[in-house]
Protein backbone atom coordinates (compact mmCIF):
# COMPACT_ATOMS: atom_id res chain seq x y z
CA MET A 1 18.89 26.32 24.65
CA THR A 2 19.86 22.75 23.75
CA LYS A 3 19.15 21.61 27.29
CA GLN A 4 15.60 22.98 27.08
CA MET A 5 15.17 21.28 23.75
CA GLU A 6 16.35 17.94 25.18
CA GLU A 7 13.96 18.31 28.13
CA THR A 8 11.08 19.09 25.80
CA VAL A 9 11.92 16.08 23.65
CA ALA A 10 12.10 13.85 26.73
CA GLN A 11 8.72 15.13 27.95
CA ARG A 12 7.13 14.51 24.57
CA ARG A 13 8.56 11.01 24.41
CA ALA A 14 7.20 10.27 27.87
CA TYR A 15 3.79 11.60 26.84
CA VAL A 16 3.78 9.49 23.68
CA GLU A 17 4.77 6.39 25.65
CA GLN A 18 1.97 7.09 28.13
CA ILE A 19 -0.55 7.31 25.30
CA ARG A 20 0.83 4.14 23.68
CA SER A 21 0.60 2.23 26.92
CA SER A 22 -3.06 3.18 27.21
CA PHE A 23 -3.70 1.37 23.91
CA TYR A 24 -1.65 -1.70 24.84
CA PRO A 25 -2.48 -2.65 28.41
CA GLU A 26 -0.20 -5.71 28.53
CA ALA A 27 3.42 -5.20 29.37
CA GLN A 28 5.48 -4.66 26.26
CA LYS A 29 9.03 -5.69 25.66
CA LYS A 30 11.27 -2.84 24.59
CA ASP A 31 14.83 -2.66 23.41
CA LYS A 32 17.62 -0.78 25.15
CA GLN A 33 16.64 2.54 23.60
CA GLY A 34 13.02 2.28 24.74
CA ARG A 35 11.59 1.44 21.34
CA GLU A 36 9.23 -1.42 20.63
CA PRO A 37 10.55 -4.27 18.54
CA TYR A 38 9.44 -4.33 14.90
CA TRP A 39 7.54 -7.60 15.25
CA ARG A 40 5.17 -6.10 17.85
CA ASN A 41 3.76 -3.75 15.23
CA SER A 42 3.79 -6.17 12.30
CA SER A 43 0.83 -8.20 11.10
CA PHE A 44 2.50 -11.39 12.35
CA SER A 45 3.71 -11.20 15.92
CA ARG A 46 5.53 -13.89 17.81
CA GLN A 47 2.98 -13.76 20.59
CA GLN A 48 0.12 -14.43 18.18
CA GLY A 49 2.10 -17.23 16.57
CA GLN A 50 2.51 -18.91 19.95
CA GLU A 51 -1.19 -18.64 20.70
CA GLY A 52 -2.08 -20.27 17.40
CA GLU A 53 -3.59 -17.14 15.89
CA LEU A 54 -1.78 -16.35 12.67
CA ARG A 55 -2.61 -13.28 10.65
CA TYR A 56 -1.95 -13.42 6.93
CA SER A 57 -1.80 -10.70 4.37
CA SER A 58 -4.48 -10.61 1.73
CA LEU A 59 -2.05 -10.84 -1.20
CA GLY A 60 -2.89 -14.48 -1.89
CA LEU A 61 -6.61 -13.82 -1.76
CA ARG A 62 -6.32 -10.81 -4.05
CA THR A 63 -4.20 -12.84 -6.47
CA VAL A 64 -6.80 -15.62 -6.60
CA ILE A 65 -9.60 -13.10 -7.17
CA ALA A 66 -7.61 -11.44 -9.97
CA MET A 67 -6.97 -14.81 -11.60
CA LEU A 68 -10.67 -15.70 -11.41
CA ILE A 69 -11.66 -12.37 -12.96
CA PHE A 70 -9.13 -12.87 -15.74
CA ALA A 71 -10.37 -16.42 -16.34
CA ALA A 72 -13.95 -15.12 -16.53
CA PHE A 73 -12.82 -12.47 -19.02
CA VAL A 74 -11.09 -15.05 -21.23
CA TYR A 75 -14.11 -17.36 -21.02
CA CYS A 76 -16.49 -14.54 -21.99
CA ASP A 77 -14.18 -13.58 -24.84
CA GLN A 78 -14.01 -17.14 -26.19
CA LYS A 79 -17.76 -17.77 -25.92
CA GLN A 80 -18.74 -14.23 -27.10
CA ILE A 81 -20.78 -13.63 -23.92
CA ALA A 82 -22.05 -10.11 -23.29
CA PHE A 83 -22.63 -8.65 -19.81
CA HIS A 84 -25.06 -5.71 -19.71
CA GLN A 85 -24.46 -5.17 -23.44
CA TYR A 86 -20.67 -5.06 -22.92
CA LYS A 87 -18.48 -7.53 -24.73
CA ALA A 88 -14.83 -8.39 -24.15
CA GLN A 89 -13.83 -6.22 -27.10
CA ASP A 90 -15.46 -3.18 -25.43
CA LEU A 91 -13.38 -3.83 -22.33
CA ILE A 92 -10.22 -4.14 -24.40
CA LYS A 93 -10.99 -0.82 -26.08
CA GLN A 94 -11.44 0.84 -22.68
CA ILE A 95 -8.12 -0.55 -21.46
CA GLU A 96 -6.30 0.56 -24.61
CA TRP A 97 -7.88 4.02 -24.61
CA ASN A 98 -5.44 6.64 -23.41
CA PRO A 99 -7.11 9.92 -22.38
CA LEU A 100 -3.79 11.77 -22.26
CA PRO A 101 -2.29 12.99 -25.50
CA THR A 102 1.12 11.47 -24.78
CA GLU A 103 2.59 12.30 -28.17
CA GLU A 104 1.75 15.97 -27.75
CA LEU A 105 3.15 15.95 -24.21
CA GLU A 106 6.38 14.35 -25.39
CA ASP A 107 6.74 16.95 -28.14
CA MET A 108 6.13 19.79 -25.68
CA ILE A 109 8.71 18.39 -23.25
CA LYS A 110 11.28 17.99 -26.05
CA ILE A 111 10.68 21.57 -27.20
CA SER A 112 11.00 22.94 -23.66
CA LEU A 113 14.21 20.98 -23.07
CA LYS A 114 15.68 22.25 -26.33
CA SER A 115 14.79 25.85 -25.46
CA LYS A 116 16.38 25.55 -22.00
CA GLY A 117 19.52 24.04 -23.50
CA LYS A 118 20.14 27.05 -25.71
């Protein structure tokens, strides 16, 4: 039974490797166990770094965009500028608004914990 299972696993691994190789036509370097190195699947690969093509994550760009939006919010708040009849105070109210009745949920959880403890 275990021998059949090992053969099935080996066949599936071979099939997966065949499919992977169809996506990556160039020869790939693999470690001793037949797995691809981590850097081949990462956004920055050594091969790309050697060719001069670097891929960066978008964290920096997203951070800059967030800072610009926050600066625009502060500017609109200071100058009392409205956008489509919305002011900064309306946005603050929306952020502070909590649609979940957290106090009631906390009370219900405390009651259920007390009843289970008895």
